[in-house]
N, C-alpha and C. Protein backbone atom coordinates (compact mmCIF):
# COMPACT_ATOMS: atom_id res chain seq x y z
N MET A 1 -9.33 15.90 51.72
CA MET A 1 -9.09 14.98 50.56
C MET A 1 -8.26 15.69 49.60
N GLU A 2 -8.46 17.04 49.47
CA GLU A 2 -7.64 17.77 48.38
C GLU A 2 -6.14 17.83 48.83
N ASP A 3 -5.92 17.99 50.18
CA ASP A 3 -4.53 18.02 50.69
C ASP A 3 -3.75 16.72 50.37
N SER A 4 -4.38 15.59 50.45
CA SER A 4 -3.72 14.28 50.31
C SER A 4 -3.46 14.18 48.72
N ALA A 5 -4.28 14.73 47.93
CA ALA A 5 -4.11 14.72 46.52
C ALA A 5 -2.92 15.56 46.07
N LYS A 6 -2.76 16.61 46.70
CA LYS A 6 -1.56 17.59 46.40
C LYS A 6 -0.32 16.96 46.93
N LYS A 7 -0.35 16.20 47.97
CA LYS A 7 0.90 15.49 48.57
C LYS A 7 1.33 14.41 47.56
N LYS A 8 0.34 13.79 46.92
CA LYS A 8 0.79 12.64 46.08
C LYS A 8 1.30 13.12 44.64
N GLY A 9 0.96 14.37 44.35
CA GLY A 9 1.44 14.83 43.01
C GLY A 9 2.89 14.82 42.75
N PRO A 10 3.68 15.41 43.57
CA PRO A 10 5.22 15.33 43.30
C PRO A 10 5.74 13.91 43.41
N GLY A 11 5.22 12.99 44.23
CA GLY A 11 5.60 11.64 44.32
C GLY A 11 5.24 11.03 43.00
N PHE A 12 4.17 11.30 42.43
CA PHE A 12 3.81 10.62 41.17
C PHE A 12 4.85 10.98 40.01
N PHE A 13 5.04 12.24 39.84
CA PHE A 13 5.94 12.73 38.86
C PHE A 13 7.37 12.15 39.08
N SER A 14 7.91 12.14 40.26
CA SER A 14 9.20 11.55 40.60
C SER A 14 9.16 10.06 40.22
N GLY A 15 8.07 9.44 40.46
CA GLY A 15 7.97 7.91 40.03
C GLY A 15 8.07 7.75 38.52
N VAL A 16 7.28 8.67 37.86
CA VAL A 16 7.28 8.64 36.36
C VAL A 16 8.74 8.93 35.81
N LYS A 17 9.46 9.76 36.42
CA LYS A 17 10.77 10.12 36.01
C LYS A 17 11.68 8.82 36.20
N ALA A 18 11.51 8.26 37.39
CA ALA A 18 12.28 7.00 37.76
C ALA A 18 12.06 5.97 36.67
N GLU A 19 10.65 5.70 36.44
CA GLU A 19 10.41 4.68 35.44
C GLU A 19 10.76 4.93 34.00
N PHE A 20 10.64 6.22 33.73
CA PHE A 20 11.12 6.63 32.37
C PHE A 20 12.72 6.49 32.02
N GLY A 21 13.43 6.54 33.22
CA GLY A 21 14.80 6.23 33.24
C GLY A 21 15.20 4.73 32.88
N LYS A 22 14.21 3.93 33.20
CA LYS A 22 14.48 2.51 32.99
C LYS A 22 14.11 1.97 31.67
N ILE A 23 13.60 2.85 30.76
CA ILE A 23 13.18 2.47 29.32
C ILE A 23 14.48 2.22 28.51
N THR A 24 14.53 1.10 27.87
CA THR A 24 15.60 0.77 26.94
C THR A 24 14.96 0.81 25.55
N TRP A 25 15.60 1.78 24.78
CA TRP A 25 14.99 1.93 23.44
C TRP A 25 15.80 1.13 22.44
N PRO A 26 15.10 0.52 21.47
CA PRO A 26 15.74 -0.36 20.55
C PRO A 26 16.75 0.37 19.65
N ASP A 27 17.75 -0.32 19.17
CA ASP A 27 18.65 0.37 18.20
C ASP A 27 18.11 0.49 16.76
N ARG A 28 18.78 1.21 15.92
CA ARG A 28 18.29 1.50 14.64
C ARG A 28 18.02 0.16 13.82
N LYS A 29 18.89 -0.79 13.91
CA LYS A 29 18.79 -2.03 13.17
C LYS A 29 17.59 -2.80 13.63
N THR A 30 17.36 -2.91 14.88
CA THR A 30 16.17 -3.57 15.46
C THR A 30 14.91 -2.84 14.96
N THR A 31 14.89 -1.60 15.08
CA THR A 31 13.67 -0.80 14.70
C THR A 31 13.39 -1.01 13.29
N PHE A 32 14.42 -1.00 12.38
CA PHE A 32 14.24 -1.20 10.92
C PHE A 32 13.62 -2.70 10.63
N LYS A 33 14.27 -3.69 11.29
CA LYS A 33 13.77 -4.96 11.12
C LYS A 33 12.31 -5.23 11.53
N GLN A 34 11.98 -4.65 12.61
CA GLN A 34 10.51 -4.64 13.09
C GLN A 34 9.58 -3.94 12.16
N SER A 35 10.07 -2.82 11.65
CA SER A 35 9.12 -1.96 10.77
C SER A 35 8.98 -2.78 9.41
N VAL A 36 10.06 -3.36 8.93
CA VAL A 36 9.90 -4.21 7.66
C VAL A 36 8.91 -5.38 8.04
N ALA A 37 9.00 -5.94 9.19
CA ALA A 37 8.14 -7.07 9.46
C ALA A 37 6.72 -6.53 9.52
N VAL A 38 6.43 -5.49 10.14
CA VAL A 38 5.10 -4.87 10.21
C VAL A 38 4.52 -4.60 8.78
N VAL A 39 5.33 -4.03 7.95
CA VAL A 39 4.83 -3.71 6.64
C VAL A 39 4.57 -4.95 5.88
N ILE A 40 5.43 -5.99 5.85
CA ILE A 40 5.18 -7.22 5.19
C ILE A 40 4.01 -7.96 5.59
N ILE A 41 3.82 -8.11 6.98
CA ILE A 41 2.60 -8.71 7.57
C ILE A 41 1.37 -7.95 7.18
N SER A 42 1.39 -6.68 7.15
CA SER A 42 0.28 -5.78 6.67
C SER A 42 -0.15 -6.05 5.25
N ILE A 43 0.79 -6.18 4.45
CA ILE A 43 0.58 -6.46 2.92
C ILE A 43 0.02 -7.87 2.82
N VAL A 44 0.55 -8.79 3.51
CA VAL A 44 0.13 -10.14 3.43
C VAL A 44 -1.27 -10.32 3.86
N LEU A 45 -1.66 -9.72 5.03
CA LEU A 45 -2.99 -9.75 5.56
C LEU A 45 -3.93 -8.94 4.59
N GLY A 46 -3.52 -7.83 3.96
CA GLY A 46 -4.29 -7.11 3.06
C GLY A 46 -4.67 -7.92 1.89
N VAL A 47 -3.68 -8.66 1.36
CA VAL A 47 -4.01 -9.52 0.22
C VAL A 47 -4.99 -10.67 0.62
N ILE A 48 -4.78 -11.39 1.77
CA ILE A 48 -5.68 -12.43 2.19
C ILE A 48 -7.13 -11.82 2.33
N ILE A 49 -7.25 -10.68 2.89
CA ILE A 49 -8.64 -10.08 3.15
C ILE A 49 -9.26 -9.75 1.72
N ALA A 50 -8.38 -9.20 0.86
CA ALA A 50 -8.86 -8.83 -0.56
C ALA A 50 -9.37 -10.13 -1.23
N VAL A 51 -8.62 -11.30 -1.06
CA VAL A 51 -9.06 -12.57 -1.75
C VAL A 51 -10.39 -12.99 -1.04
N LEU A 52 -10.50 -13.08 0.15
CA LEU A 52 -11.66 -13.43 0.92
C LEU A 52 -12.83 -12.53 0.53
N ASP A 53 -12.54 -11.34 0.40
CA ASP A 53 -13.69 -10.45 -0.06
C ASP A 53 -14.18 -10.63 -1.48
N TYR A 54 -13.20 -10.81 -2.26
CA TYR A 54 -13.55 -11.25 -3.72
C TYR A 54 -14.29 -12.47 -3.75
N GLY A 55 -13.89 -13.45 -3.01
CA GLY A 55 -14.55 -14.80 -3.00
C GLY A 55 -16.04 -14.56 -2.41
N ALA A 56 -16.21 -13.85 -1.39
CA ALA A 56 -17.52 -13.72 -0.74
C ALA A 56 -18.35 -12.87 -1.71
N GLN A 57 -17.81 -11.85 -2.48
CA GLN A 57 -18.59 -11.03 -3.42
C GLN A 57 -19.15 -11.98 -4.50
N ASN A 58 -18.24 -12.71 -5.05
CA ASN A 58 -18.57 -13.54 -6.17
C ASN A 58 -19.59 -14.72 -5.65
N GLY A 59 -19.42 -15.17 -4.46
CA GLY A 59 -20.31 -16.18 -3.89
C GLY A 59 -21.77 -15.62 -3.65
N VAL A 60 -21.72 -14.35 -3.26
CA VAL A 60 -23.10 -13.72 -3.11
C VAL A 60 -23.85 -13.57 -4.51
N ASN A 61 -23.03 -13.13 -5.39
CA ASN A 61 -23.51 -12.71 -6.70
C ASN A 61 -24.02 -14.12 -7.32
N PHE A 62 -23.25 -15.10 -7.17
CA PHE A 62 -23.67 -16.45 -7.72
C PHE A 62 -25.02 -16.85 -7.14
N LEU A 63 -25.11 -16.77 -5.68
CA LEU A 63 -26.41 -17.14 -5.03
C LEU A 63 -27.63 -16.28 -5.40
N THR A 64 -27.33 -14.99 -5.61
CA THR A 64 -28.43 -14.14 -6.04
C THR A 64 -28.98 -14.32 -7.44
N GLN A 65 -28.09 -14.88 -8.30
CA GLN A 65 -28.51 -15.11 -9.70
C GLN A 65 -29.16 -16.47 -9.95
N LEU A 66 -29.24 -17.22 -8.92
CA LEU A 66 -29.91 -18.62 -9.06
C LEU A 66 -31.25 -18.52 -9.35
């Protein structure tokens, strides 16, 4: 069983090298646009979560003061 694992090792790394050569990296403009989109979406979701949290906090405080 160990012999078959040793024989598969070099094949695995040559396969990884072949697959790595197929990678197409985005250009600078695409990377910048996607990064800006991620930051904007993160800020928007953060604001939405903060508003929901504020509303839930005030709702719980209102109910506990009844």
